[in-house]
Amino acid sequence: MTAQNAERAGKRSVSMAQSLIREVEERTGKSGFSSVVAEALEEWLATQKLREVVAADQEAFGPVSPEARRQAEQEW
């Protein structure tokens, strides 16, 4: 995001293992912790949204056939 369209930050209190906190802070320093959490949550949300799209597709069209799966794997 650019400074012009940066979204205002909000605060939340979260609990997590101290070892996880220490390991993240060792790599980012205390000031980088929030950006790491925000990035992780953005990736998690993207994954959840993708799962929702796949589930909706399977609901509408059924599961991928073994033949289509093999073809996709060969082309990949």
N, C-alpha and C. Protein backbone atom coordinates (compact mmCIF):
# COMPACT_ATOMS: atom_id res chain seq x y z
N MET A 1 0.82 -1.19 0.00
CA MET A 1 0.00 0.00 0.00
C MET A 1 0.86 1.24 0.00
N THR A 2 0.43 2.23 -0.69
CA THR A 2 1.14 3.50 -0.67
C THR A 2 0.64 4.32 0.50
N ALA A 3 1.40 5.35 0.84
CA ALA A 3 1.02 6.20 1.97
C ALA A 3 -0.33 6.87 1.73
N GLN A 4 -0.68 7.13 0.46
CA GLN A 4 -1.93 7.81 0.15
C GLN A 4 -3.15 6.95 0.45
N ASN A 5 -3.04 5.64 0.26
CA ASN A 5 -4.21 4.81 0.48
C ASN A 5 -4.00 3.78 1.59
N ALA A 6 -3.07 4.05 2.49
CA ALA A 6 -2.80 3.14 3.60
C ALA A 6 -4.02 3.10 4.52
N GLU A 7 -4.40 1.90 4.87
CA GLU A 7 -5.53 1.72 5.76
C GLU A 7 -5.10 1.98 7.19
N ARG A 8 -5.96 2.57 7.96
CA ARG A 8 -5.66 2.84 9.36
C ARG A 8 -5.53 1.52 10.11
N ALA A 9 -4.52 1.42 10.93
CA ALA A 9 -4.28 0.20 11.70
C ALA A 9 -5.23 0.12 12.89
N GLY A 10 -5.59 -1.10 13.23
CA GLY A 10 -6.38 -1.36 14.43
C GLY A 10 -5.57 -2.22 15.37
N LYS A 11 -5.96 -2.29 16.59
CA LYS A 11 -5.22 -3.10 17.57
C LYS A 11 -6.09 -4.25 18.04
N ARG A 12 -5.46 -5.38 18.23
CA ARG A 12 -6.08 -6.56 18.80
C ARG A 12 -5.09 -7.20 19.75
N SER A 13 -5.59 -7.83 20.76
CA SER A 13 -4.74 -8.57 21.68
C SER A 13 -4.86 -10.04 21.30
N VAL A 14 -3.72 -10.67 21.07
CA VAL A 14 -3.72 -12.09 20.73
C VAL A 14 -2.76 -12.82 21.67
N SER A 15 -3.06 -14.07 21.92
CA SER A 15 -2.20 -14.89 22.76
C SER A 15 -1.53 -15.93 21.88
N MET A 16 -0.23 -16.11 22.11
CA MET A 16 0.51 -17.13 21.37
C MET A 16 1.69 -17.58 22.20
N ALA A 17 2.27 -18.68 21.79
CA ALA A 17 3.40 -19.24 22.54
C ALA A 17 4.55 -18.24 22.60
N GLN A 18 5.16 -18.14 23.77
CA GLN A 18 6.30 -17.24 23.95
C GLN A 18 7.44 -17.60 23.00
N SER A 19 7.63 -18.90 22.77
CA SER A 19 8.71 -19.31 21.86
C SER A 19 8.48 -18.77 20.45
N LEU A 20 7.24 -18.73 20.02
CA LEU A 20 6.92 -18.18 18.69
C LEU A 20 7.19 -16.68 18.66
N ILE A 21 6.79 -15.99 19.70
CA ILE A 21 7.04 -14.55 19.79
C ILE A 21 8.55 -14.27 19.73
N ARG A 22 9.32 -15.00 20.54
CA ARG A 22 10.77 -14.79 20.56
C ARG A 22 11.40 -15.04 19.20
N GLU A 23 10.98 -16.11 18.54
CA GLU A 23 11.58 -16.45 17.25
C GLU A 23 11.28 -15.40 16.19
N VAL A 24 10.05 -14.90 16.18
CA VAL A 24 9.70 -13.84 15.23
C VAL A 24 10.49 -12.57 15.54
N GLU A 25 10.54 -12.18 16.81
CA GLU A 25 11.26 -10.96 17.19
C GLU A 25 12.75 -11.06 16.93
N GLU A 26 13.32 -12.27 17.03
CA GLU A 26 14.75 -12.45 16.71
C GLU A 26 15.01 -12.11 15.25
N ARG A 27 14.05 -12.37 14.41
CA ARG A 27 14.23 -12.13 12.97
C ARG A 27 13.80 -10.73 12.53
N THR A 28 12.84 -10.14 13.24
CA THR A 28 12.28 -8.87 12.78
C THR A 28 12.53 -7.70 13.71
N GLY A 29 12.88 -7.99 14.95
CA GLY A 29 12.90 -6.95 15.96
C GLY A 29 11.46 -6.71 16.41
N LYS A 30 11.29 -6.01 17.51
CA LYS A 30 9.94 -5.80 18.03
C LYS A 30 9.09 -4.96 17.10
N SER A 31 9.70 -4.05 16.36
CA SER A 31 8.91 -3.18 15.48
C SER A 31 8.38 -3.90 14.25
N GLY A 32 8.94 -5.05 13.89
CA GLY A 32 8.47 -5.76 12.70
C GLY A 32 7.44 -6.83 13.00
N PHE A 33 7.14 -7.03 14.27
CA PHE A 33 6.23 -8.11 14.66
C PHE A 33 4.85 -7.95 14.03
N SER A 34 4.29 -6.76 14.11
CA SER A 34 2.94 -6.54 13.58
C SER A 34 2.86 -6.78 12.09
N SER A 35 3.89 -6.38 11.35
CA SER A 35 3.85 -6.58 9.90
C SER A 35 3.92 -8.07 9.55
N VAL A 36 4.67 -8.84 10.35
CA VAL A 36 4.73 -10.30 10.13
C VAL A 36 3.36 -10.91 10.38
N VAL A 37 2.71 -10.51 11.46
CA VAL A 37 1.38 -11.04 11.77
C VAL A 37 0.39 -10.64 10.68
N ALA A 38 0.44 -9.40 10.24
CA ALA A 38 -0.47 -8.94 9.19
C ALA A 38 -0.25 -9.72 7.90
N GLU A 39 1.01 -9.94 7.53
CA GLU A 39 1.31 -10.70 6.31
C GLU A 39 0.80 -12.14 6.43
N ALA A 40 1.00 -12.75 7.59
CA ALA A 40 0.53 -14.13 7.81
C ALA A 40 -0.99 -14.20 7.71
N LEU A 41 -1.68 -13.21 8.25
CA LEU A 41 -3.13 -13.21 8.19
C LEU A 41 -3.63 -12.97 6.77
N GLU A 42 -2.94 -12.13 6.02
CA GLU A 42 -3.32 -11.92 4.61
C GLU A 42 -3.18 -13.22 3.82
N GLU A 43 -2.10 -13.96 4.06
CA GLU A 43 -1.91 -15.25 3.38
C GLU A 43 -2.98 -16.25 3.81
N TRP A 44 -3.31 -16.27 5.09
CA TRP A 44 -4.35 -17.16 5.60
C TRP A 44 -5.69 -16.85 4.96
N LEU A 45 -6.04 -15.55 4.89
CA LEU A 45 -7.30 -15.15 4.26
C LEU A 45 -7.34 -15.54 2.79
N ALA A 46 -6.24 -15.35 2.07
CA ALA A 46 -6.20 -15.73 0.67
C ALA A 46 -6.43 -17.23 0.51
N THR A 47 -5.85 -18.03 1.39
CA THR A 47 -6.03 -19.47 1.35
C THR A 47 -7.49 -19.83 1.64
N GLN A 48 -8.08 -19.20 2.64
CA GLN A 48 -9.48 -19.47 2.96
C GLN A 48 -10.39 -19.12 1.80
N LYS A 49 -10.14 -17.98 1.16
CA LYS A 49 -10.97 -17.56 0.03
C LYS A 49 -10.82 -18.54 -1.13
N LEU A 50 -9.61 -19.01 -1.37
CA LEU A 50 -9.39 -19.99 -2.43
C LEU A 50 -10.14 -21.28 -2.12
N ARG A 51 -10.11 -21.72 -0.88
CA ARG A 51 -10.85 -22.92 -0.49
C ARG A 51 -12.35 -22.74 -0.71
N GLU A 52 -12.85 -21.55 -0.43
CA GLU A 52 -14.27 -21.27 -0.66
C GLU A 52 -14.61 -21.34 -2.14
N VAL A 53 -13.74 -20.82 -2.99
CA VAL A 53 -13.96 -20.88 -4.44
C VAL A 53 -13.96 -22.33 -4.92
N VAL A 54 -12.99 -23.11 -4.45
CA VAL A 54 -12.91 -24.53 -4.84
C VAL A 54 -14.15 -25.28 -4.36
N ALA A 55 -14.58 -25.03 -3.13
CA ALA A 55 -15.77 -25.70 -2.60
C ALA A 55 -17.01 -25.33 -3.41
N ALA A 56 -17.15 -24.06 -3.77
CA ALA A 56 -18.29 -23.63 -4.58
C ALA A 56 -18.25 -24.29 -5.96
N ASP A 57 -17.06 -24.39 -6.53
CA ASP A 57 -16.91 -25.03 -7.84
C ASP A 57 -17.30 -26.50 -7.75
N GLN A 58 -16.83 -27.18 -6.70
CA GLN A 58 -17.17 -28.59 -6.53
C GLN A 58 -18.67 -28.77 -6.29
N GLU A 59 -19.26 -27.84 -5.59
CA GLU A 59 -20.71 -27.88 -5.35
C GLU A 59 -21.46 -27.73 -6.68
N ALA A 60 -20.99 -26.81 -7.51
CA ALA A 60 -21.68 -26.54 -8.77
C ALA A 60 -21.42 -27.60 -9.85
N PHE A 61 -20.19 -28.11 -9.90
CA PHE A 61 -19.80 -28.97 -11.02
C PHE A 61 -19.38 -30.38 -10.61
N GLY A 62 -19.33 -30.64 -9.31
CA GLY A 62 -18.90 -31.95 -8.85
C GLY A 62 -17.38 -32.03 -8.75
N PRO A 63 -16.89 -33.16 -8.26
CA PRO A 63 -15.44 -33.30 -8.10
C PRO A 63 -14.74 -33.41 -9.45
N VAL A 64 -13.46 -33.11 -9.43
CA VAL A 64 -12.64 -33.23 -10.64
C VAL A 64 -12.48 -34.71 -10.95
N SER A 65 -12.71 -35.07 -12.21
CA SER A 65 -12.59 -36.48 -12.59
C SER A 65 -11.11 -36.89 -12.58
N PRO A 66 -10.86 -38.18 -12.37
CA PRO A 66 -9.47 -38.66 -12.41
C PRO A 66 -8.79 -38.35 -13.75
N GLU A 67 -9.54 -38.42 -14.84
CA GLU A 67 -8.96 -38.12 -16.16
C GLU A 67 -8.54 -36.65 -16.26
N ALA A 68 -9.41 -35.75 -15.79
CA ALA A 68 -9.08 -34.32 -15.84
C ALA A 68 -7.90 -34.02 -14.93
N ARG A 69 -7.82 -34.69 -13.78
CA ARG A 69 -6.72 -34.48 -12.86
C ARG A 69 -5.40 -34.93 -13.51
N ARG A 70 -5.41 -36.10 -14.15
CA ARG A 70 -4.21 -36.60 -14.82
C ARG A 70 -3.77 -35.65 -15.92
N GLN A 71 -4.72 -35.16 -16.70
CA GLN A 71 -4.40 -34.23 -17.78
C GLN A 71 -3.77 -32.94 -17.23
N ALA A 72 -4.36 -32.42 -16.16
CA ALA A 72 -3.83 -31.19 -15.55
C ALA A 72 -2.42 -31.43 -15.02
N GLU A 73 -2.19 -32.58 -14.38
CA GLU A 73 -0.86 -32.89 -13.84
C GLU A 73 0.16 -33.03 -14.96
N GLN A 74 -0.23 -33.61 -16.09
CA GLN A 74 0.69 -33.74 -17.23
C GLN A 74 1.03 -32.39 -17.82
N GLU A 75 0.05 -31.51 -17.90
CA GLU A 75 0.27 -30.18 -18.48
C GLU A 75 1.04 -29.28 -17.53
N TRP A 76 0.94 -29.56 -16.26
CA TRP A 76 1.63 -28.74 -15.26
C TRP A 76 3.10 -28.99 -15.33
